[in-house]
Each structure stands twice: as structure tokens, then as C-alpha cells.
């Protein structure tokens, strides 16, 4: 259930906008249009009912930065979840790691002067905006958040001009699903492969 919720959440977060490539063919005036008349290149569109529908063919050079950012984000949250829910897996893989930094049960004190909350923050921002540099839990969480949000800056934008254009919406959902799968693949790479249950 948690996996399903995460997939739906990331799909919802990745809702982006851009121009529709579905062109209604106007036959009411009995005027005939050719693909060349409406500025469409050959083989770019195909007929489906009364519409010309363009299929989404990802441009790897344009999509790669967003996919890479999501993969890294998924990896970071995979490490984060391992630290919280299965620390024994993390310590089995990294027996010499600094416990004061990577063990969430004690690393939370790193944010404070001499590890004492009563003495205040270790430095300005150590308990909030810069908590990511104080321990492994907050570091992996910060990496996750930064790369997830940066995805919106690098993915090609696309939107549907008409809310009734179901083909455009299906294409958007398919694209969101692809990004969701890549995100989950990053999570799986660390949570299940780098830190397996046994061995």
C-alpha cells in the first residue's frame, strides 16, 4: 500500500504542462484540408476518429536530466528509509560508517551545541534549513527533496489545450507513469539491492 501511495504521489507531483498536438479536423464547412495546409510534417500525426493524434515519443536528450534527477531522488529516499526502518542492513553494508552521523537514534543531537538541545543550535540554521549537513538522515532527505524539485526545472513541459482531449491526457498520464517507475527504480536500487534483507 505504501508503494502504491508513493507511486500515486510522485505521479501527482509530476503533473506538468505543454502544448497539445491533437488537431481537430473541421469538416462542417465541407472544406478539405491536407496535412501540408495545416503545417503538419509527414508521419508526425495519425488519424483517430475526427482528430489527428500525435504519439508521445520521448526525446532522450531532453528527458534524461529529469529521469536522472528522479532516479537520484529515489535512491536518496531509499537510503533514508533503510536508516529508519532497517538500520541493520545499512550497518552490514557499511560497518565502519560514523555512527554519530548515520545512526538516526543519536545523530539528531548533531544539530545542537555539544549535542544538547538546551544549549541551542550548533550554528545558524542547523535545526532547520541546514539540518541536511548535520546527519545522514537529514542529508538523504535533503538530497531527495532537492532532486525531486529540480525535476520540474529540467523536464520538457507539455499541456493539453482541451480538457476533453482524452488522448492528450492519456499521454500525460503515461509520461507521469514513466517518471514514477524511474523514481521507484532508484528507490529499489538502494533499499532492496544495495541494502538487501539478507547476505
N, C-alpha and C. Protein backbone atom coordinates (compact mmCIF):
# COMPACT_ATOMS: atom_id res chain seq x y z
N UNK A 1 0.83 -1.20 0.00
CA UNK A 1 0.00 0.00 0.00
C UNK A 1 0.88 1.26 0.00
N UNK A 2 1.97 1.20 0.78
CA UNK A 2 2.88 2.34 0.84
C UNK A 2 3.51 2.59 -0.53
N UNK A 3 3.87 1.49 -1.22
CA UNK A 3 4.47 1.61 -2.54
C UNK A 3 3.48 2.22 -3.52
N UNK A 4 2.22 1.80 -3.46
CA UNK A 4 1.20 2.34 -4.34
C UNK A 4 0.98 3.82 -4.06
N UNK A 5 0.92 4.18 -2.78
CA UNK A 5 0.72 5.58 -2.41
C UNK A 5 1.87 6.44 -2.91
N UNK A 6 3.10 5.94 -2.77
CA UNK A 6 4.27 6.69 -3.22
C UNK A 6 4.23 6.91 -4.72
N UNK A 7 3.85 5.85 -5.47
CA UNK A 7 3.76 5.96 -6.92
C UNK A 7 2.71 6.99 -7.32
N UNK A 8 1.53 6.95 -6.67
CA UNK A 8 0.48 7.91 -6.98
C UNK A 8 0.91 9.32 -6.61
N UNK A 9 1.61 9.46 -5.50
CA UNK A 9 2.06 10.78 -5.06
C UNK A 9 3.05 11.37 -6.05
N UNK A 10 4.02 10.58 -6.48
CA UNK A 10 5.01 11.10 -7.41
C UNK A 10 4.38 11.40 -8.75
N UNK A 11 3.40 10.57 -9.16
CA UNK A 11 2.71 10.84 -10.42
C UNK A 11 1.96 12.16 -10.33
N UNK A 12 1.35 12.40 -9.17
CA UNK A 12 0.63 13.66 -8.99
C UNK A 12 1.57 14.84 -8.96
N UNK A 13 2.75 14.66 -8.31
CA UNK A 13 3.73 15.75 -8.23
C UNK A 13 4.31 16.09 -9.60
N UNK A 14 4.33 15.10 -10.48
CA UNK A 14 4.95 15.31 -11.78
C UNK A 14 3.99 15.81 -12.84
N UNK A 15 2.81 16.27 -12.42
CA UNK A 15 1.88 16.82 -13.39
C UNK A 15 2.47 18.10 -13.95
N UNK A 16 2.71 18.11 -15.25
CA UNK A 16 3.31 19.28 -15.88
C UNK A 16 2.47 19.74 -17.06
N UNK A 17 2.80 20.92 -17.59
CA UNK A 17 2.02 21.41 -18.71
C UNK A 17 2.82 21.59 -20.00
N UNK A 18 2.10 21.55 -21.23
CA UNK A 18 2.72 21.81 -22.56
C UNK A 18 1.70 21.77 -23.66
N UNK A 19 2.11 22.03 -24.87
CA UNK A 19 1.14 22.21 -25.93
C UNK A 19 0.62 20.91 -26.48
N UNK A 20 -0.69 20.86 -26.72
CA UNK A 20 -1.33 19.67 -27.27
C UNK A 20 -0.94 19.51 -28.72
N UNK A 21 -0.82 18.26 -29.15
CA UNK A 21 -0.54 18.03 -30.56
C UNK A 21 -1.71 17.31 -31.22
N UNK A 22 -2.90 17.52 -30.67
CA UNK A 22 -4.10 16.97 -31.28
C UNK A 22 -4.82 18.09 -32.01
N UNK A 23 -5.08 17.92 -33.30
CA UNK A 23 -5.67 18.97 -34.12
C UNK A 23 -7.03 18.52 -34.62
N UNK A 24 -8.12 19.19 -34.24
CA UNK A 24 -9.43 18.80 -34.75
C UNK A 24 -9.54 19.10 -36.23
N UNK A 25 -10.12 18.19 -36.96
CA UNK A 25 -10.34 18.40 -38.39
C UNK A 25 -11.73 18.98 -38.57
N UNK A 26 -11.80 20.14 -39.18
CA UNK A 26 -13.07 20.84 -39.35
C UNK A 26 -13.69 20.45 -40.69
N UNK A 27 -14.81 19.73 -40.62
CA UNK A 27 -15.47 19.29 -41.84
C UNK A 27 -16.83 19.95 -42.03
N UNK A 28 -17.23 20.81 -41.07
CA UNK A 28 -18.56 21.40 -41.14
C UNK A 28 -18.74 22.26 -42.38
N UNK A 29 -17.68 22.96 -42.79
CA UNK A 29 -17.79 23.83 -43.95
C UNK A 29 -17.51 23.09 -45.26
N UNK A 30 -17.32 21.78 -45.14
CA UNK A 30 -17.02 20.93 -46.29
C UNK A 30 -15.76 21.37 -47.03
N UNK A 31 -14.84 21.96 -46.26
CA UNK A 31 -13.55 22.35 -46.81
C UNK A 31 -12.56 21.26 -46.49
N UNK A 32 -11.81 20.86 -47.47
CA UNK A 32 -10.84 19.78 -47.28
C UNK A 32 -9.47 20.37 -47.00
N UNK A 33 -8.84 19.86 -45.92
CA UNK A 33 -7.51 20.30 -45.55
C UNK A 33 -6.54 19.13 -45.71
N UNK A 34 -5.36 19.45 -46.15
CA UNK A 34 -4.31 18.44 -46.20
C UNK A 34 -3.37 18.68 -45.02
N UNK A 35 -2.54 17.68 -44.72
CA UNK A 35 -1.58 17.85 -43.65
C UNK A 35 -0.65 19.03 -43.90
N UNK A 36 -0.31 19.23 -45.18
CA UNK A 36 0.59 20.32 -45.53
C UNK A 36 -0.07 21.68 -45.28
N UNK A 37 -1.41 21.75 -45.52
CA UNK A 37 -2.15 23.00 -45.32
C UNK A 37 -2.13 23.46 -43.86
N UNK A 38 -2.14 22.52 -42.94
CA UNK A 38 -2.20 22.90 -41.53
C UNK A 38 -0.83 22.82 -40.86
N UNK A 39 0.22 22.70 -41.67
CA UNK A 39 1.58 22.79 -41.15
C UNK A 39 2.07 21.58 -40.40
N UNK A 40 1.58 20.38 -40.77
CA UNK A 40 2.00 19.17 -40.09
C UNK A 40 2.95 18.39 -40.98
N UNK A 41 4.07 17.99 -40.42
CA UNK A 41 5.03 17.19 -41.18
C UNK A 41 4.51 15.78 -41.39
N UNK A 42 4.91 15.16 -42.47
CA UNK A 42 4.50 13.79 -42.76
C UNK A 42 4.94 12.86 -41.64
N UNK A 43 4.10 11.88 -41.32
CA UNK A 43 4.35 10.84 -40.32
C UNK A 43 4.43 11.37 -38.89
N UNK A 44 4.12 12.66 -38.70
CA UNK A 44 4.16 13.20 -37.34
C UNK A 44 2.85 12.90 -36.61
N UNK A 45 1.77 12.78 -37.37
CA UNK A 45 0.46 12.54 -36.78
C UNK A 45 -0.22 11.36 -37.47
N UNK A 46 -1.22 10.82 -36.82
CA UNK A 46 -2.02 9.76 -37.41
C UNK A 46 -3.49 10.06 -37.13
N UNK A 47 -4.37 9.56 -38.00
CA UNK A 47 -5.79 9.80 -37.83
C UNK A 47 -6.37 8.90 -36.76
N UNK A 48 -7.25 9.48 -35.94
CA UNK A 48 -8.01 8.69 -34.97
C UNK A 48 -9.36 9.37 -34.83
N UNK A 49 -10.37 8.81 -35.47
CA UNK A 49 -11.68 9.43 -35.46
C UNK A 49 -11.63 10.75 -36.21
N UNK A 50 -12.06 11.83 -35.56
CA UNK A 50 -12.06 13.15 -36.17
C UNK A 50 -10.79 13.93 -35.86
N UNK A 51 -9.82 13.28 -35.25
CA UNK A 51 -8.64 14.01 -34.81
C UNK A 51 -7.36 13.44 -35.42
N UNK A 52 -6.39 14.29 -35.51
CA UNK A 52 -5.04 13.86 -35.81
C UNK A 52 -4.32 13.77 -34.47
N UNK A 53 -3.83 12.61 -34.15
CA UNK A 53 -3.25 12.40 -32.82
C UNK A 53 -1.77 12.09 -32.96
N UNK A 54 -0.96 12.87 -32.28
CA UNK A 54 0.48 12.63 -32.27
C UNK A 54 0.85 11.78 -31.07
N UNK A 55 1.64 10.77 -31.28
CA UNK A 55 2.04 9.92 -30.16
C UNK A 55 3.27 10.52 -29.49
N UNK A 56 3.35 10.32 -28.15
CA UNK A 56 4.49 10.87 -27.41
C UNK A 56 5.70 9.98 -27.63
N UNK A 57 6.70 10.53 -28.29
CA UNK A 57 7.95 9.81 -28.49
C UNK A 57 9.03 10.60 -27.74
N UNK A 58 9.47 10.06 -26.60
CA UNK A 58 10.41 10.83 -25.77
C UNK A 58 11.72 11.12 -26.47
N UNK A 59 12.18 12.33 -26.34
CA UNK A 59 13.48 12.73 -26.83
C UNK A 59 14.46 12.47 -25.67
N UNK A 60 15.31 11.48 -25.82
CA UNK A 60 16.17 11.05 -24.73
C UNK A 60 17.02 12.20 -24.19
N UNK A 61 17.55 13.04 -25.08
CA UNK A 61 18.40 14.15 -24.63
C UNK A 61 17.61 15.12 -23.75
N UNK A 62 16.33 15.31 -24.07
CA UNK A 62 15.51 16.24 -23.30
C UNK A 62 14.97 15.60 -22.02
N UNK A 63 14.66 14.31 -22.07
CA UNK A 63 14.07 13.63 -20.92
C UNK A 63 15.10 13.16 -19.90
N UNK A 64 16.33 12.91 -20.34
CA UNK A 64 17.35 12.31 -19.47
C UNK A 64 17.62 13.09 -18.19
N UNK A 65 17.75 14.43 -18.22
CA UNK A 65 18.01 15.14 -16.97
C UNK A 65 16.91 14.93 -15.93
N UNK A 66 15.66 14.98 -16.36
CA UNK A 66 14.55 14.76 -15.43
C UNK A 66 14.52 13.34 -14.89
N UNK A 67 14.74 12.38 -15.77
CA UNK A 67 14.76 10.97 -15.35
C UNK A 67 15.92 10.72 -14.39
N UNK A 68 17.08 11.30 -14.68
CA UNK A 68 18.25 11.12 -13.80
C UNK A 68 17.99 11.74 -12.43
N UNK A 69 17.37 12.93 -12.41
CA UNK A 69 17.08 13.60 -11.14
C UNK A 69 16.12 12.76 -10.30
N UNK A 70 15.12 12.18 -10.95
CA UNK A 70 14.17 11.34 -10.22
C UNK A 70 14.82 10.07 -9.70
N UNK A 71 15.72 9.50 -10.49
CA UNK A 71 16.40 8.29 -10.07
C UNK A 71 17.25 8.56 -8.82
N UNK A 72 18.00 9.67 -8.84
CA UNK A 72 18.82 10.04 -7.68
C UNK A 72 17.94 10.32 -6.47
N UNK A 73 16.82 11.00 -6.70
CA UNK A 73 15.88 11.29 -5.62
C UNK A 73 15.36 9.99 -5.00
N UNK A 74 15.02 9.03 -5.85
CA UNK A 74 14.55 7.73 -5.36
C UNK A 74 15.63 6.99 -4.58
N UNK A 75 16.87 7.07 -5.06
CA UNK A 75 17.98 6.42 -4.35
C UNK A 75 18.15 7.02 -2.96
N UNK A 76 18.07 8.35 -2.88
CA UNK A 76 18.27 9.03 -1.60
C UNK A 76 17.21 8.63 -0.58
N UNK A 77 15.96 8.57 -1.02
CA UNK A 77 14.90 8.21 -0.08
C UNK A 77 14.98 6.72 0.26
N UNK A 78 15.58 5.93 -0.62
CA UNK A 78 15.80 4.52 -0.31
C UNK A 78 16.80 4.35 0.83
N UNK A 79 17.88 5.12 0.78
CA UNK A 79 18.87 5.10 1.86
C UNK A 79 18.22 5.63 3.15
N UNK A 80 17.45 6.70 3.01
CA UNK A 80 16.77 7.29 4.16
C UNK A 80 15.86 6.29 4.86
N UNK A 81 15.06 5.57 4.07
CA UNK A 81 14.15 4.57 4.64
C UNK A 81 14.91 3.41 5.27
N UNK A 82 16.05 3.05 4.68
CA UNK A 82 16.87 1.99 5.25
C UNK A 82 17.40 2.40 6.62
N UNK A 83 17.87 3.64 6.72
CA UNK A 83 18.38 4.14 8.01
C UNK A 83 17.31 4.08 9.09
N UNK A 84 16.08 4.41 8.74
CA UNK A 84 15.00 4.48 9.71
C UNK A 84 14.41 3.11 10.04
N UNK A 85 14.10 2.35 9.00
CA UNK A 85 13.36 1.10 9.20
C UNK A 85 14.21 -0.16 9.27
N UNK A 86 15.39 -0.15 8.64
CA UNK A 86 16.25 -1.34 8.64
C UNK A 86 17.72 -0.94 8.83
N UNK A 87 18.04 -0.32 9.95
CA UNK A 87 19.43 0.13 10.15
C UNK A 87 20.44 -1.01 10.12
N UNK A 88 20.01 -2.23 10.49
CA UNK A 88 20.93 -3.37 10.47
C UNK A 88 21.46 -3.63 9.06
N UNK A 89 20.64 -3.40 8.05
CA UNK A 89 21.09 -3.58 6.66
C UNK A 89 22.16 -2.55 6.31
N UNK A 90 21.94 -1.32 6.76
CA UNK A 90 22.91 -0.26 6.47
C UNK A 90 24.25 -0.58 7.14
N UNK A 91 24.23 -1.00 8.40
CA UNK A 91 25.47 -1.27 9.12
C UNK A 91 26.17 -2.51 8.60
N UNK A 92 25.40 -3.45 8.05
CA UNK A 92 26.02 -4.63 7.45
C UNK A 92 26.80 -4.23 6.20
N UNK A 93 26.26 -3.26 5.44
CA UNK A 93 26.93 -2.80 4.22
C UNK A 93 28.06 -1.82 4.52
N UNK A 94 27.92 -1.05 5.60
CA UNK A 94 28.92 -0.03 5.96
C UNK A 94 29.30 -0.16 7.43
N UNK A 95 30.02 -1.22 7.78
CA UNK A 95 30.35 -1.45 9.20
C UNK A 95 31.22 -0.36 9.82
N UNK A 96 31.97 0.38 9.02
CA UNK A 96 32.88 1.39 9.56
C UNK A 96 32.33 2.82 9.44
N UNK A 97 31.06 2.93 9.07
CA UNK A 97 30.46 4.26 8.94
C UNK A 97 30.37 4.94 10.30
N UNK A 98 30.46 6.25 10.29
CA UNK A 98 30.41 7.05 11.52
C UNK A 98 28.99 6.99 12.11
N UNK A 99 28.83 6.32 13.24
CA UNK A 99 27.51 6.16 13.85
C UNK A 99 26.92 7.49 14.32
N UNK A 100 27.79 8.38 14.76
CA UNK A 100 27.29 9.67 15.23
C UNK A 100 26.62 10.45 14.10
N UNK A 101 27.02 10.15 12.86
CA UNK A 101 26.43 10.85 11.70
C UNK A 101 25.30 10.04 11.08
N UNK A 102 25.43 8.71 11.03
CA UNK A 102 24.48 7.89 10.28
C UNK A 102 23.42 7.19 11.13
N UNK A 103 23.58 7.13 12.41
CA UNK A 103 22.59 6.46 13.26
C UNK A 103 21.53 7.48 13.73
N UNK A 104 20.31 7.42 13.17
CA UNK A 104 19.28 8.41 13.49
C UNK A 104 18.90 8.46 14.97
N UNK A 105 19.14 7.37 15.67
CA UNK A 105 18.78 7.35 17.09
C UNK A 105 19.65 8.29 17.93
N UNK A 106 20.83 8.62 17.42
CA UNK A 106 21.71 9.54 18.15
C UNK A 106 22.13 10.75 17.32
N UNK A 107 22.05 10.63 15.98
CA UNK A 107 22.57 11.71 15.12
C UNK A 107 21.74 12.98 15.18
N UNK A 108 20.51 12.88 15.66
CA UNK A 108 19.67 14.08 15.75
C UNK A 108 20.27 15.13 16.70
N UNK A 109 21.12 14.67 17.62
CA UNK A 109 21.75 15.61 18.57
C UNK A 109 22.83 16.46 17.91
N UNK A 110 23.26 16.06 16.69
CA UNK A 110 24.31 16.81 16.00
C UNK A 110 23.90 18.25 15.68
N UNK A 111 22.62 18.51 15.70
CA UNK A 111 22.13 19.85 15.36
C UNK A 111 22.35 20.86 16.48
N UNK A 112 22.69 20.35 17.67
CA UNK A 112 22.76 21.22 18.84
C UNK A 112 24.19 21.36 19.38
N UNK A 113 24.42 22.45 20.05
CA UNK A 113 25.72 22.71 20.67
C UNK A 113 26.02 21.62 21.70
N UNK A 114 27.16 20.95 21.53
CA UNK A 114 27.58 19.86 22.42
C UNK A 114 26.53 18.75 22.50
N UNK A 115 25.70 18.63 21.46
CA UNK A 115 24.67 17.59 21.43
C UNK A 115 23.55 17.80 22.42
N UNK A 116 23.44 19.00 22.97
CA UNK A 116 22.43 19.28 24.00
C UNK A 116 21.42 20.31 23.48
N UNK A 117 20.15 19.89 23.29
CA UNK A 117 19.12 20.82 22.80
C UNK A 117 18.96 22.06 23.68
N UNK A 118 19.27 21.93 24.97
CA UNK A 118 19.13 23.05 25.90
C UNK A 118 20.16 24.16 25.65
N UNK A 119 21.24 23.81 24.94
CA UNK A 119 22.28 24.79 24.65
C UNK A 119 22.05 25.51 23.31
N UNK A 120 21.01 25.12 22.62
CA UNK A 120 20.68 25.79 21.36
C UNK A 120 21.35 25.17 20.15
N UNK A 121 21.10 25.79 18.99
CA UNK A 121 21.61 25.27 17.72
C UNK A 121 23.13 25.30 17.64
N UNK A 122 23.69 24.34 16.94
CA UNK A 122 25.14 24.28 16.74
C UNK A 122 25.63 25.48 15.94
N UNK A 123 24.86 25.87 14.95
CA UNK A 123 25.13 27.06 14.14
C UNK A 123 23.80 27.52 13.55
N UNK A 124 23.79 28.71 13.01
CA UNK A 124 22.55 29.25 12.45
C UNK A 124 22.01 28.35 11.35
N UNK A 125 20.78 27.90 11.51
CA UNK A 125 20.14 27.05 10.52
C UNK A 125 20.36 25.56 10.72
N UNK A 126 21.13 25.18 11.74
CA UNK A 126 21.43 23.75 11.92
C UNK A 126 20.20 22.94 12.33
N UNK A 127 19.19 23.59 12.86
CA UNK A 127 17.99 22.86 13.29
C UNK A 127 16.87 22.92 12.25
N UNK A 128 17.11 23.63 11.14
CA UNK A 128 16.06 23.70 10.12
C UNK A 128 16.64 23.67 8.70
N UNK A 129 16.94 24.82 8.15
CA UNK A 129 17.31 24.87 6.73
C UNK A 129 18.60 24.13 6.39
N UNK A 130 19.55 24.10 7.32
CA UNK A 130 20.83 23.42 7.06
C UNK A 130 20.97 22.11 7.84
N UNK A 131 19.87 21.56 8.28
CA UNK A 131 19.92 20.30 9.03
C UNK A 131 20.51 19.17 8.18
N UNK A 132 20.43 19.32 6.87
CA UNK A 132 20.95 18.30 5.96
C UNK A 132 22.44 18.05 6.07
N UNK A 133 23.19 18.98 6.65
CA UNK A 133 24.64 18.77 6.78
C UNK A 133 25.01 18.23 8.15
N UNK A 134 24.02 18.02 9.01
CA UNK A 134 24.33 17.59 10.38
C UNK A 134 24.27 16.09 10.59
N UNK A 135 23.49 15.38 9.78
CA UNK A 135 23.44 13.91 9.95
C UNK A 135 22.93 13.24 8.68
N UNK A 136 23.12 11.91 8.63
CA UNK A 136 22.77 11.14 7.45
C UNK A 136 21.29 11.15 7.11
N UNK A 137 20.46 11.10 8.14
CA UNK A 137 19.01 11.09 7.90
C UNK A 137 18.57 12.36 7.17
N UNK A 138 18.99 13.52 7.69
CA UNK A 138 18.59 14.78 7.08
C UNK A 138 19.32 15.01 5.75
N UNK A 139 20.53 14.48 5.61
CA UNK A 139 21.26 14.62 4.36
C UNK A 139 20.52 13.90 3.23
N UNK A 140 20.15 12.64 3.46
CA UNK A 140 19.45 11.89 2.41
C UNK A 140 18.07 12.48 2.12
N UNK A 141 17.42 12.99 3.15
CA UNK A 141 16.12 13.63 2.95
C UNK A 141 16.27 14.90 2.12
N UNK A 142 17.30 15.67 2.39
CA UNK A 142 17.55 16.90 1.63
C UNK A 142 17.89 16.60 0.17
N UNK A 143 18.73 15.58 -0.06
CA UNK A 143 19.07 15.19 -1.43
C UNK A 143 17.81 14.79 -2.17
N UNK A 144 16.96 14.00 -1.51
CA UNK A 144 15.69 13.58 -2.11
C UNK A 144 14.87 14.80 -2.52
N UNK A 145 14.69 15.73 -1.61
CA UNK A 145 13.84 16.89 -1.88
C UNK A 145 14.40 17.77 -2.99
N UNK A 146 15.71 18.03 -2.95
CA UNK A 146 16.34 18.90 -3.94
C UNK A 146 16.23 18.31 -5.34
N UNK A 147 16.54 17.03 -5.49
CA UNK A 147 16.49 16.42 -6.82
C UNK A 147 15.05 16.24 -7.30
N UNK A 148 14.14 15.96 -6.39
CA UNK A 148 12.74 15.83 -6.78
C UNK A 148 12.21 17.17 -7.30
N UNK A 149 12.48 18.24 -6.58
CA UNK A 149 12.00 19.56 -7.01
C UNK A 149 12.73 20.04 -8.26
N UNK A 150 14.00 19.68 -8.42
CA UNK A 150 14.74 20.11 -9.61
C UNK A 150 14.20 19.46 -10.87
N UNK A 151 13.49 18.35 -10.72
CA UNK A 151 12.90 17.69 -11.88
C UNK A 151 12.00 18.65 -12.64
N UNK A 152 11.26 19.48 -11.91
CA UNK A 152 10.34 20.41 -12.54
C UNK A 152 11.05 21.46 -13.39
N UNK A 153 12.34 21.68 -13.11
CA UNK A 153 13.10 22.68 -13.85
C UNK A 153 13.68 22.12 -15.14
N UNK A 154 13.82 20.81 -15.23
CA UNK A 154 14.54 20.24 -16.37
C UNK A 154 13.68 19.40 -17.31
N UNK A 155 12.50 18.96 -16.88
CA UNK A 155 11.70 18.13 -17.78
C UNK A 155 10.99 19.00 -18.81
N UNK A 156 10.87 18.51 -20.04
CA UNK A 156 10.15 19.27 -21.07
C UNK A 156 8.70 19.46 -20.65
N UNK A 157 8.16 20.65 -20.89
CA UNK A 157 6.78 20.93 -20.49
C UNK A 157 5.80 20.50 -21.57
N UNK A 158 4.58 20.21 -21.13
CA UNK A 158 3.54 19.78 -22.05
C UNK A 158 2.19 20.01 -21.39
N UNK A 159 1.23 20.46 -22.17
CA UNK A 159 -0.11 20.62 -21.62
C UNK A 159 -1.16 20.30 -22.67
N UNK A 160 -2.38 20.07 -22.21
CA UNK A 160 -3.49 19.75 -23.10
C UNK A 160 -4.36 20.98 -23.27
N UNK A 161 -4.53 21.44 -24.49
CA UNK A 161 -5.32 22.64 -24.74
C UNK A 161 -6.80 22.40 -24.43
N UNK A 162 -7.27 21.22 -24.72
CA UNK A 162 -8.68 20.92 -24.49
C UNK A 162 -8.83 19.87 -23.39
N UNK A 163 -9.64 20.16 -22.34
CA UNK A 163 -9.83 19.17 -21.27
C UNK A 163 -10.56 17.92 -21.75
N UNK A 164 -11.18 18.00 -22.94
CA UNK A 164 -11.90 16.85 -23.47
C UNK A 164 -11.02 15.97 -24.35
N UNK A 165 -9.80 16.37 -24.55
CA UNK A 165 -8.89 15.61 -25.39
C UNK A 165 -8.29 14.45 -24.60
N UNK A 166 -8.98 13.33 -24.57
CA UNK A 166 -8.55 12.22 -23.73
C UNK A 166 -7.21 11.63 -24.18
N UNK A 167 -6.91 11.73 -25.48
CA UNK A 167 -5.64 11.18 -25.96
C UNK A 167 -4.46 11.95 -25.37
N UNK A 168 -4.61 13.26 -25.29
CA UNK A 168 -3.54 14.07 -24.69
C UNK A 168 -3.38 13.74 -23.22
N UNK A 169 -4.49 13.59 -22.50
CA UNK A 169 -4.42 13.27 -21.07
C UNK A 169 -3.82 11.89 -20.85
N UNK A 170 -4.17 10.94 -21.70
CA UNK A 170 -3.58 9.60 -21.58
C UNK A 170 -2.08 9.66 -21.78
N UNK A 171 -1.67 10.50 -22.73
CA UNK A 171 -0.23 10.64 -22.98
C UNK A 171 0.48 11.24 -21.76
N UNK A 172 -0.16 12.23 -21.14
CA UNK A 172 0.43 12.84 -19.94
C UNK A 172 0.53 11.84 -18.80
N UNK A 173 -0.53 11.05 -18.61
CA UNK A 173 -0.50 10.06 -17.54
C UNK A 173 0.54 8.98 -17.81
N UNK A 174 0.70 8.62 -19.08
CA UNK A 174 1.72 7.63 -19.44
C UNK A 174 3.11 8.17 -19.13
N UNK A 175 3.29 9.45 -19.41
CA UNK A 175 4.58 10.07 -19.14
C UNK A 175 4.84 10.14 -17.63
N UNK A 176 3.80 10.52 -16.87
CA UNK A 176 3.93 10.57 -15.42
C UNK A 176 4.25 9.19 -14.86
N UNK A 177 3.63 8.16 -15.45
CA UNK A 177 3.88 6.79 -15.01
C UNK A 177 5.34 6.40 -15.26
N UNK A 178 5.87 6.81 -16.41
CA UNK A 178 7.28 6.53 -16.72
C UNK A 178 8.19 7.17 -15.68
N UNK A 179 7.92 8.42 -15.34
CA UNK A 179 8.73 9.10 -14.34
C UNK A 179 8.58 8.44 -12.97
N UNK A 180 7.37 8.00 -12.67
CA UNK A 180 7.14 7.31 -11.41
C UNK A 180 7.91 6.00 -11.32
N UNK A 181 7.95 5.27 -12.43
CA UNK A 181 8.68 4.00 -12.46
C UNK A 181 10.18 4.24 -12.26
N UNK A 182 10.71 5.28 -12.89
CA UNK A 182 12.14 5.59 -12.74
C UNK A 182 12.46 5.98 -11.30
N UNK A 183 11.56 6.75 -10.67
CA UNK A 183 11.73 7.13 -9.26
C UNK A 183 11.76 5.89 -8.37
N UNK A 184 10.80 4.98 -8.60
CA UNK A 184 10.74 3.76 -7.80
C UNK A 184 11.95 2.86 -8.08
N UNK A 185 12.47 2.90 -9.30
CA UNK A 185 13.65 2.11 -9.63
C UNK A 185 14.86 2.60 -8.82
N UNK A 186 14.97 3.93 -8.66
CA UNK A 186 16.04 4.48 -7.83
C UNK A 186 15.90 4.04 -6.39
N UNK A 187 14.67 4.07 -5.89
CA UNK A 187 14.40 3.62 -4.52
C UNK A 187 14.78 2.15 -4.36
N UNK A 188 14.37 1.33 -5.32
CA UNK A 188 14.65 -0.11 -5.28
C UNK A 188 16.16 -0.38 -5.33
N UNK A 189 16.88 0.45 -6.10
CA UNK A 189 18.33 0.25 -6.26
C UNK A 189 19.07 0.32 -4.93
N UNK A 190 18.62 1.18 -4.04
CA UNK A 190 19.29 1.29 -2.74
C UNK A 190 18.59 0.44 -1.67
N UNK A 191 17.30 0.62 -1.55
CA UNK A 191 16.56 -0.03 -0.46
C UNK A 191 16.60 -1.55 -0.54
N UNK A 192 16.50 -2.10 -1.76
CA UNK A 192 16.43 -3.56 -1.92
C UNK A 192 17.71 -4.20 -2.47
N UNK A 193 18.45 -3.47 -3.30
CA UNK A 193 19.65 -4.06 -3.92
C UNK A 193 20.92 -3.73 -3.12
N UNK A 194 21.13 -2.44 -2.85
CA UNK A 194 22.33 -2.05 -2.08
C UNK A 194 22.24 -2.53 -0.64
N UNK A 195 21.01 -2.54 -0.10
CA UNK A 195 20.80 -2.97 1.28
C UNK A 195 19.75 -4.10 1.32
N UNK A 196 20.14 -5.30 0.86
CA UNK A 196 19.17 -6.40 0.80
C UNK A 196 18.83 -6.93 2.19
N UNK A 197 17.77 -7.73 2.25
CA UNK A 197 17.33 -8.28 3.53
C UNK A 197 18.37 -9.20 4.13
N UNK A 198 18.99 -10.00 3.27
CA UNK A 198 19.98 -10.97 3.77
C UNK A 198 21.24 -10.93 2.90
N UNK A 199 22.30 -11.40 3.49
CA UNK A 199 23.56 -11.56 2.76
C UNK A 199 24.19 -10.30 2.50
